[in-house]
Amino acid sequence: MSDANLPSEPQGPGIALTFLYYFAGTSLVGALLANQLLRVGFETGIPNQLGTVLGLVGGLVGTYFNRTRTLQRSIRGKKAFLNQLNPVLSDLGYTLVEEAAEAAELQLTYRRDGLSALLSGSVYVALSNQVATITSRAVHIRSLEKRLP
C-alpha cells in the first residue's frame, strides 16, 4: 500500500509529554500529601522522595492508558466500514460531532457528551478508499481493536 493511499492522522502530545504531565501532577500531589499526612517537613526530603516514587508510578500508568495511539485497518468501502464503526463508538458513548471531506479522504471526529468529553478525549477517524485510520487514547484504541472485526 503506497503512502499516497494512507489518510493523514492527527498527532497527539507524544509519550514523553504524556509521561511528564502525569509524573509532575502525581509527584506534586504525592509530596503535598506526604507532607501533611506524615507531618514531616519538606526539608527532610521524605515528602519529595515519596512524591517522586508516586510520580513515577502515576506517570507510567497515565502514559499506558492515555498516550495517543493509532489503529489502521484495510477497508472495502467507507460506508461499509462506518456501518461497523458507528455502533461500536455509540456503545462506548461517542457521537459524531464533525465531518470534513478533503479530496478522496473523509475525516470524522467523535466525542462524548457532557463532562465525560473533558475527561475521555476524542476519537478521530480518517477514511481513504482503502484504509481507515483511527486515532485516540490507547485505552479507547484497545477497546476498538477488540470490538471491530
N, C-alpha and C. Protein backbone atom coordinates (compact mmCIF):
# COMPACT_ATOMS: atom_id res chain seq x y z
N MET A 1 0.85 -1.17 0.00
CA MET A 1 0.00 0.00 0.00
C MET A 1 0.89 1.23 0.00
N SER A 2 0.68 2.13 -0.91
CA SER A 2 1.53 3.32 -1.01
C SER A 2 1.10 4.36 0.01
N ASP A 3 2.03 5.26 0.35
CA ASP A 3 1.73 6.32 1.31
C ASP A 3 0.68 7.28 0.79
N ALA A 4 0.51 7.36 -0.52
CA ALA A 4 -0.49 8.25 -1.09
C ALA A 4 -1.91 7.81 -0.73
N ASN A 5 -2.09 6.50 -0.46
CA ASN A 5 -3.41 5.98 -0.12
C ASN A 5 -3.72 6.09 1.37
N LEU A 6 -2.71 6.40 2.18
CA LEU A 6 -2.93 6.47 3.61
C LEU A 6 -3.52 7.82 4.00
N PRO A 7 -4.58 7.81 4.82
CA PRO A 7 -5.13 9.07 5.27
C PRO A 7 -4.18 9.74 6.27
N SER A 8 -4.26 11.07 6.33
CA SER A 8 -3.45 11.78 7.31
C SER A 8 -4.02 11.52 8.69
N GLU A 9 -3.15 11.51 9.69
CA GLU A 9 -3.61 11.21 11.03
C GLU A 9 -3.26 12.35 11.98
N PRO A 10 -4.16 12.67 12.91
CA PRO A 10 -3.85 13.70 13.90
C PRO A 10 -2.74 13.20 14.83
N GLN A 11 -1.89 14.10 15.25
CA GLN A 11 -0.80 13.74 16.15
C GLN A 11 -1.17 14.15 17.56
N GLY A 12 -0.94 13.26 18.50
CA GLY A 12 -1.17 13.57 19.90
C GLY A 12 0.06 14.18 20.53
N PRO A 13 0.04 14.36 21.85
CA PRO A 13 1.16 15.01 22.52
C PRO A 13 2.43 14.16 22.59
N GLY A 14 2.36 12.87 22.31
CA GLY A 14 3.54 12.02 22.37
C GLY A 14 3.72 11.40 23.75
N ILE A 15 4.53 10.35 23.78
CA ILE A 15 4.72 9.59 25.02
C ILE A 15 5.44 10.42 26.07
N ALA A 16 6.50 11.13 25.68
CA ALA A 16 7.30 11.88 26.66
C ALA A 16 6.46 12.96 27.35
N LEU A 17 5.70 13.71 26.59
CA LEU A 17 4.89 14.77 27.19
C LEU A 17 3.76 14.20 28.05
N THR A 18 3.19 13.08 27.61
CA THR A 18 2.14 12.44 28.40
C THR A 18 2.71 11.96 29.74
N PHE A 19 3.89 11.31 29.69
CA PHE A 19 4.53 10.86 30.93
C PHE A 19 4.83 12.04 31.84
N LEU A 20 5.41 13.10 31.29
CA LEU A 20 5.77 14.28 32.08
C LEU A 20 4.54 14.89 32.75
N TYR A 21 3.45 14.96 32.04
CA TYR A 21 2.20 15.51 32.58
C TYR A 21 1.75 14.73 33.81
N TYR A 22 1.66 13.40 33.68
CA TYR A 22 1.19 12.58 34.80
C TYR A 22 2.23 12.48 35.91
N PHE A 23 3.51 12.44 35.56
CA PHE A 23 4.57 12.41 36.56
C PHE A 23 4.55 13.67 37.42
N ALA A 24 4.50 14.83 36.77
CA ALA A 24 4.54 16.10 37.51
C ALA A 24 3.33 16.25 38.42
N GLY A 25 2.15 15.97 37.88
CA GLY A 25 0.93 16.11 38.68
C GLY A 25 0.91 15.17 39.87
N THR A 26 1.27 13.90 39.65
CA THR A 26 1.24 12.92 40.73
C THR A 26 2.35 13.20 41.75
N SER A 27 3.51 13.62 41.28
CA SER A 27 4.61 13.95 42.20
C SER A 27 4.23 15.08 43.13
N LEU A 28 3.65 16.11 42.58
CA LEU A 28 3.26 17.27 43.38
C LEU A 28 2.21 16.89 44.42
N VAL A 29 1.17 16.21 43.99
CA VAL A 29 0.12 15.80 44.91
C VAL A 29 0.68 14.83 45.95
N GLY A 30 1.52 13.89 45.52
CA GLY A 30 2.11 12.92 46.46
C GLY A 30 2.98 13.59 47.51
N ALA A 31 3.80 14.55 47.09
CA ALA A 31 4.67 15.25 48.04
C ALA A 31 3.84 16.06 49.04
N LEU A 32 2.82 16.74 48.56
CA LEU A 32 1.96 17.53 49.46
C LEU A 32 1.21 16.64 50.44
N LEU A 33 0.70 15.51 49.96
CA LEU A 33 0.00 14.58 50.85
C LEU A 33 0.96 13.99 51.88
N ALA A 34 2.15 13.60 51.45
CA ALA A 34 3.14 13.05 52.38
C ALA A 34 3.49 14.08 53.45
N ASN A 35 3.65 15.31 53.05
CA ASN A 35 3.96 16.39 53.99
C ASN A 35 2.86 16.54 55.03
N GLN A 36 1.62 16.49 54.61
CA GLN A 36 0.50 16.69 55.54
C GLN A 36 0.21 15.44 56.38
N LEU A 37 0.22 14.27 55.75
CA LEU A 37 -0.16 13.05 56.46
C LEU A 37 0.93 12.55 57.39
N LEU A 38 2.19 12.66 56.99
CA LEU A 38 3.29 12.17 57.81
C LEU A 38 3.80 13.23 58.79
N ARG A 39 3.34 14.45 58.61
CA ARG A 39 3.75 15.57 59.47
C ARG A 39 5.27 15.75 59.51
N VAL A 40 5.88 15.63 58.34
CA VAL A 40 7.32 15.90 58.22
C VAL A 40 7.50 17.04 57.23
N GLY A 41 8.51 17.83 57.46
CA GLY A 41 8.75 18.98 56.60
C GLY A 41 9.43 18.59 55.30
N PHE A 42 9.34 19.48 54.33
CA PHE A 42 9.99 19.25 53.04
C PHE A 42 11.51 19.22 53.18
N GLU A 43 12.04 19.89 54.22
CA GLU A 43 13.49 19.93 54.39
C GLU A 43 14.08 18.56 54.70
N THR A 44 13.26 17.61 55.18
CA THR A 44 13.75 16.25 55.44
C THR A 44 13.96 15.47 54.16
N GLY A 45 13.29 15.85 53.11
CA GLY A 45 13.41 15.15 51.83
C GLY A 45 12.45 13.99 51.67
N ILE A 46 11.81 13.56 52.74
CA ILE A 46 10.91 12.41 52.68
C ILE A 46 9.69 12.68 51.79
N PRO A 47 9.00 13.81 51.94
CA PRO A 47 7.87 14.06 51.04
C PRO A 47 8.28 14.10 49.56
N ASN A 48 9.46 14.66 49.29
CA ASN A 48 9.93 14.72 47.90
C ASN A 48 10.23 13.33 47.35
N GLN A 49 10.83 12.48 48.17
CA GLN A 49 11.13 11.11 47.73
C GLN A 49 9.85 10.32 47.47
N LEU A 50 8.90 10.42 48.40
CA LEU A 50 7.63 9.72 48.20
C LEU A 50 6.89 10.28 46.99
N GLY A 51 6.92 11.59 46.83
CA GLY A 51 6.28 12.20 45.67
C GLY A 51 6.90 11.73 44.37
N THR A 52 8.22 11.59 44.35
CA THR A 52 8.91 11.11 43.14
C THR A 52 8.52 9.68 42.81
N VAL A 53 8.47 8.81 43.83
CA VAL A 53 8.08 7.42 43.60
C VAL A 53 6.64 7.35 43.10
N LEU A 54 5.75 8.08 43.75
CA LEU A 54 4.36 8.11 43.30
C LEU A 54 4.26 8.72 41.90
N GLY A 55 5.08 9.72 41.62
CA GLY A 55 5.09 10.34 40.29
C GLY A 55 5.51 9.36 39.21
N LEU A 56 6.52 8.53 39.50
CA LEU A 56 6.94 7.52 38.53
C LEU A 56 5.81 6.54 38.24
N VAL A 57 5.15 6.08 39.30
CA VAL A 57 4.03 5.15 39.12
C VAL A 57 2.90 5.83 38.36
N GLY A 58 2.54 7.03 38.78
CA GLY A 58 1.47 7.77 38.10
C GLY A 58 1.81 8.08 36.66
N GLY A 59 3.05 8.42 36.39
CA GLY A 59 3.49 8.71 35.02
C GLY A 59 3.40 7.49 34.13
N LEU A 60 3.84 6.34 34.65
CA LEU A 60 3.79 5.11 33.85
C LEU A 60 2.35 4.66 33.60
N VAL A 61 1.52 4.70 34.63
CA VAL A 61 0.11 4.30 34.46
C VAL A 61 -0.62 5.26 33.53
N GLY A 62 -0.43 6.56 33.75
CA GLY A 62 -1.07 7.56 32.90
C GLY A 62 -0.64 7.44 31.45
N THR A 63 0.65 7.18 31.23
CA THR A 63 1.15 7.03 29.87
C THR A 63 0.58 5.77 29.21
N TYR A 64 0.50 4.69 29.96
CA TYR A 64 -0.01 3.44 29.40
C TYR A 64 -1.45 3.61 28.91
N PHE A 65 -2.29 4.24 29.70
CA PHE A 65 -3.70 4.35 29.35
C PHE A 65 -4.04 5.55 28.46
N ASN A 66 -3.28 6.62 28.55
CA ASN A 66 -3.71 7.86 27.91
C ASN A 66 -2.82 8.38 26.80
N ARG A 67 -1.79 7.64 26.41
CA ARG A 67 -0.98 8.10 25.28
C ARG A 67 -1.82 7.98 24.01
N THR A 68 -1.42 8.69 22.99
CA THR A 68 -2.14 8.66 21.73
C THR A 68 -1.69 7.44 20.92
N ARG A 69 -2.65 6.67 20.44
CA ARG A 69 -2.36 5.51 19.59
C ARG A 69 -3.17 5.61 18.31
N THR A 70 -2.67 4.92 17.30
CA THR A 70 -3.34 4.90 16.00
C THR A 70 -3.60 3.46 15.59
N LEU A 71 -4.78 3.24 15.06
CA LEU A 71 -5.19 1.94 14.54
C LEU A 71 -5.49 2.10 13.06
N GLN A 72 -4.87 1.27 12.23
CA GLN A 72 -5.15 1.31 10.79
C GLN A 72 -5.75 -0.02 10.36
N ARG A 73 -6.79 0.07 9.57
CA ARG A 73 -7.46 -1.11 9.03
C ARG A 73 -7.68 -0.94 7.54
N SER A 74 -7.49 -2.02 6.81
CA SER A 74 -7.86 -2.02 5.39
C SER A 74 -9.38 -2.13 5.32
N ILE A 75 -9.97 -1.35 4.43
CA ILE A 75 -11.43 -1.37 4.31
C ILE A 75 -11.82 -1.59 2.86
N ARG A 76 -13.02 -2.10 2.67
CA ARG A 76 -13.54 -2.31 1.31
C ARG A 76 -14.28 -1.09 0.81
N GLY A 77 -14.87 -0.36 1.73
CA GLY A 77 -15.60 0.85 1.37
C GLY A 77 -15.85 1.69 2.61
N LYS A 78 -15.94 2.99 2.40
CA LYS A 78 -16.14 3.89 3.53
C LYS A 78 -17.47 3.64 4.24
N LYS A 79 -18.53 3.50 3.45
CA LYS A 79 -19.86 3.33 4.03
C LYS A 79 -19.96 2.02 4.82
N ALA A 80 -19.42 0.94 4.27
CA ALA A 80 -19.46 -0.34 4.96
C ALA A 80 -18.69 -0.29 6.27
N PHE A 81 -17.53 0.37 6.26
CA PHE A 81 -16.74 0.48 7.48
C PHE A 81 -17.46 1.33 8.53
N LEU A 82 -18.05 2.44 8.10
CA LEU A 82 -18.78 3.30 9.04
C LEU A 82 -19.98 2.58 9.64
N ASN A 83 -20.60 1.68 8.87
CA ASN A 83 -21.71 0.89 9.40
C ASN A 83 -21.25 -0.05 10.51
N GLN A 84 -19.97 -0.46 10.48
CA GLN A 84 -19.41 -1.28 11.55
C GLN A 84 -18.93 -0.41 12.72
N LEU A 85 -18.32 0.72 12.40
CA LEU A 85 -17.69 1.57 13.41
C LEU A 85 -18.71 2.34 14.26
N ASN A 86 -19.71 2.92 13.64
CA ASN A 86 -20.65 3.79 14.36
C ASN A 86 -21.35 3.10 15.54
N PRO A 87 -21.85 1.86 15.40
CA PRO A 87 -22.47 1.21 16.56
C PRO A 87 -21.47 0.95 17.70
N VAL A 88 -20.23 0.62 17.35
CA VAL A 88 -19.21 0.38 18.37
C VAL A 88 -18.92 1.66 19.14
N LEU A 89 -18.71 2.76 18.42
CA LEU A 89 -18.45 4.04 19.09
C LEU A 89 -19.66 4.51 19.88
N SER A 90 -20.85 4.24 19.37
CA SER A 90 -22.07 4.60 20.09
C SER A 90 -22.16 3.84 21.41
N ASP A 91 -21.81 2.55 21.40
CA ASP A 91 -21.79 1.76 22.63
C ASP A 91 -20.79 2.31 23.64
N LEU A 92 -19.71 2.90 23.15
CA LEU A 92 -18.70 3.49 24.03
C LEU A 92 -19.08 4.91 24.47
N GLY A 93 -20.22 5.42 23.98
CA GLY A 93 -20.70 6.73 24.39
C GLY A 93 -20.29 7.88 23.48
N TYR A 94 -19.76 7.58 22.30
CA TYR A 94 -19.29 8.62 21.38
C TYR A 94 -20.34 8.92 20.32
N THR A 95 -20.43 10.20 19.96
CA THR A 95 -21.29 10.63 18.87
C THR A 95 -20.48 11.46 17.88
N LEU A 96 -20.90 11.44 16.64
CA LEU A 96 -20.22 12.20 15.59
C LEU A 96 -20.48 13.69 15.80
N VAL A 97 -19.40 14.47 15.86
CA VAL A 97 -19.56 15.91 16.06
C VAL A 97 -19.02 16.74 14.91
N GLU A 98 -18.17 16.13 14.07
CA GLU A 98 -17.59 16.89 12.97
C GLU A 98 -17.26 15.95 11.82
N GLU A 99 -17.54 16.43 10.62
CA GLU A 99 -17.26 15.66 9.41
C GLU A 99 -16.68 16.61 8.37
N ALA A 100 -15.54 16.22 7.79
CA ALA A 100 -14.90 17.06 6.78
C ALA A 100 -14.37 16.16 5.67
N ALA A 101 -14.52 16.62 4.44
CA ALA A 101 -14.02 15.86 3.29
C ALA A 101 -12.93 16.66 2.60
N GLU A 102 -11.81 16.00 2.35
CA GLU A 102 -10.70 16.60 1.61
C GLU A 102 -10.30 15.63 0.51
N ALA A 103 -10.48 16.04 -0.72
CA ALA A 103 -10.16 15.20 -1.89
C ALA A 103 -10.83 13.84 -1.73
N ALA A 104 -10.06 12.76 -1.69
CA ALA A 104 -10.63 11.42 -1.59
C ALA A 104 -10.68 10.94 -0.14
N GLU A 105 -10.48 11.85 0.80
CA GLU A 105 -10.40 11.47 2.20
C GLU A 105 -11.55 12.07 3.00
N LEU A 106 -12.09 11.28 3.91
CA LEU A 106 -13.16 11.72 4.80
C LEU A 106 -12.62 11.72 6.22
N GLN A 107 -12.77 12.83 6.93
CA GLN A 107 -12.28 12.92 8.30
C GLN A 107 -13.45 13.16 9.24
N LEU A 108 -13.53 12.32 10.28
CA LEU A 108 -14.63 12.37 11.24
C LEU A 108 -14.08 12.54 12.65
N THR A 109 -14.81 13.28 13.47
CA THR A 109 -14.44 13.45 14.87
C THR A 109 -15.62 13.03 15.73
N TYR A 110 -15.34 12.15 16.70
CA TYR A 110 -16.36 11.67 17.63
C TYR A 110 -15.99 12.12 19.04
N ARG A 111 -17.00 12.54 19.81
CA ARG A 111 -16.78 12.95 21.20
C ARG A 111 -17.91 12.44 22.06
N ARG A 112 -17.63 12.36 23.34
CA ARG A 112 -18.67 12.04 24.32
C ARG A 112 -19.37 13.33 24.72
N ASP A 113 -20.55 13.21 25.30
CA ASP A 113 -21.32 14.37 25.75
C ASP A 113 -20.98 14.72 27.19
N GLY A 114 -21.21 15.97 27.53
CA GLY A 114 -21.10 16.44 28.91
C GLY A 114 -19.70 16.45 29.47
N LEU A 115 -19.61 16.22 30.78
CA LEU A 115 -18.34 16.26 31.49
C LEU A 115 -17.39 15.17 31.02
N SER A 116 -17.93 14.03 30.63
CA SER A 116 -17.06 12.93 30.18
C SER A 116 -16.27 13.31 28.93
N ALA A 117 -16.73 14.29 28.17
CA ALA A 117 -15.99 14.75 26.99
C ALA A 117 -14.66 15.36 27.39
N LEU A 118 -14.62 16.03 28.54
CA LEU A 118 -13.39 16.65 29.01
C LEU A 118 -12.38 15.62 29.49
N LEU A 119 -12.87 14.50 30.01
CA LEU A 119 -12.00 13.51 30.61
C LEU A 119 -11.59 12.38 29.68
N SER A 120 -12.34 12.14 28.61
CA SER A 120 -12.06 10.97 27.79
C SER A 120 -11.41 11.26 26.45
N GLY A 121 -11.41 12.49 26.00
CA GLY A 121 -10.79 12.81 24.72
C GLY A 121 -11.68 12.44 23.55
N SER A 122 -11.18 12.69 22.37
CA SER A 122 -11.94 12.45 21.13
C SER A 122 -11.40 11.23 20.40
N VAL A 123 -12.20 10.76 19.46
CA VAL A 123 -11.77 9.71 18.54
C VAL A 123 -11.78 10.33 17.15
N TYR A 124 -10.64 10.29 16.48
CA TYR A 124 -10.50 10.86 15.14
C TYR A 124 -10.42 9.72 14.13
N VAL A 125 -11.22 9.80 13.08
CA VAL A 125 -11.26 8.77 12.05
C VAL A 125 -10.98 9.43 10.71
N ALA A 126 -10.00 8.91 9.98
CA ALA A 126 -9.70 9.37 8.63
C ALA A 126 -9.89 8.19 7.69
N LEU A 127 -10.73 8.37 6.67
CA LEU A 127 -11.04 7.30 5.74
C LEU A 127 -10.59 7.67 4.34
N SER A 128 -9.78 6.80 3.75
CA SER A 128 -9.49 6.91 2.32
C SER A 128 -10.28 5.78 1.66
N ASN A 129 -10.05 5.55 0.39
CA ASN A 129 -10.79 4.49 -0.29
C ASN A 129 -10.42 3.10 0.20
N GLN A 130 -9.19 2.94 0.72
CA GLN A 130 -8.72 1.60 1.09
C GLN A 130 -8.33 1.45 2.55
N VAL A 131 -8.13 2.55 3.26
CA VAL A 131 -7.59 2.48 4.62
C VAL A 131 -8.40 3.37 5.57
N ALA A 132 -8.67 2.83 6.76
CA ALA A 132 -9.25 3.62 7.84
C ALA A 132 -8.19 3.81 8.91
N THR A 133 -8.00 5.05 9.33
CA THR A 133 -7.04 5.36 10.39
C THR A 133 -7.82 5.97 11.55
N ILE A 134 -7.73 5.32 12.72
CA ILE A 134 -8.44 5.77 13.91
C ILE A 134 -7.39 6.18 14.93
N THR A 135 -7.51 7.39 15.45
CA THR A 135 -6.55 7.91 16.42
C THR A 135 -7.30 8.36 17.67
N SER A 136 -6.81 7.90 18.83
CA SER A 136 -7.42 8.27 20.11
C SER A 136 -6.48 7.84 21.24
N ARG A 137 -6.97 7.91 22.46
CA ARG A 137 -6.21 7.42 23.60
C ARG A 137 -6.05 5.91 23.50
N ALA A 138 -4.96 5.41 24.07
CA ALA A 138 -4.64 3.98 23.98
C ALA A 138 -5.77 3.11 24.52
N VAL A 139 -6.39 3.51 25.61
CA VAL A 139 -7.45 2.70 26.21
C VAL A 139 -8.63 2.55 25.24
N HIS A 140 -8.95 3.58 24.48
CA HIS A 140 -10.05 3.51 23.52
C HIS A 140 -9.67 2.68 22.30
N ILE A 141 -8.43 2.81 21.85
CA ILE A 141 -7.97 2.03 20.70
C ILE A 141 -7.97 0.54 21.04
N ARG A 142 -7.54 0.17 22.26
CA ARG A 142 -7.58 -1.24 22.66
C ARG A 142 -9.01 -1.77 22.64
N SER A 143 -9.95 -0.97 23.10
CA SER A 143 -11.35 -1.38 23.08
C SER A 143 -11.86 -1.55 21.65
N LEU A 144 -11.48 -0.63 20.77
CA LEU A 144 -11.90 -0.74 19.37
C LEU A 144 -11.27 -1.95 18.69
N GLU A 145 -10.02 -2.26 19.02
CA GLU A 145 -9.36 -3.44 18.43
C GLU A 145 -10.12 -4.71 18.77
N LYS A 146 -10.65 -4.78 19.98
CA LYS A 146 -11.40 -5.96 20.41
C LYS A 146 -12.77 -6.04 19.75
N ARG A 147 -13.39 -4.89 19.50
CA ARG A 147 -14.78 -4.87 19.03
C ARG A 147 -14.94 -4.83 17.52
N LEU A 148 -13.96 -4.29 16.81
CA LEU A 148 -14.09 -4.20 15.36
C LEU A 148 -13.65 -5.51 14.71
N PRO A 149 -14.38 -5.96 13.69
CA PRO A 149 -13.98 -7.20 13.02
C PRO A 149 -12.73 -7.03 12.18
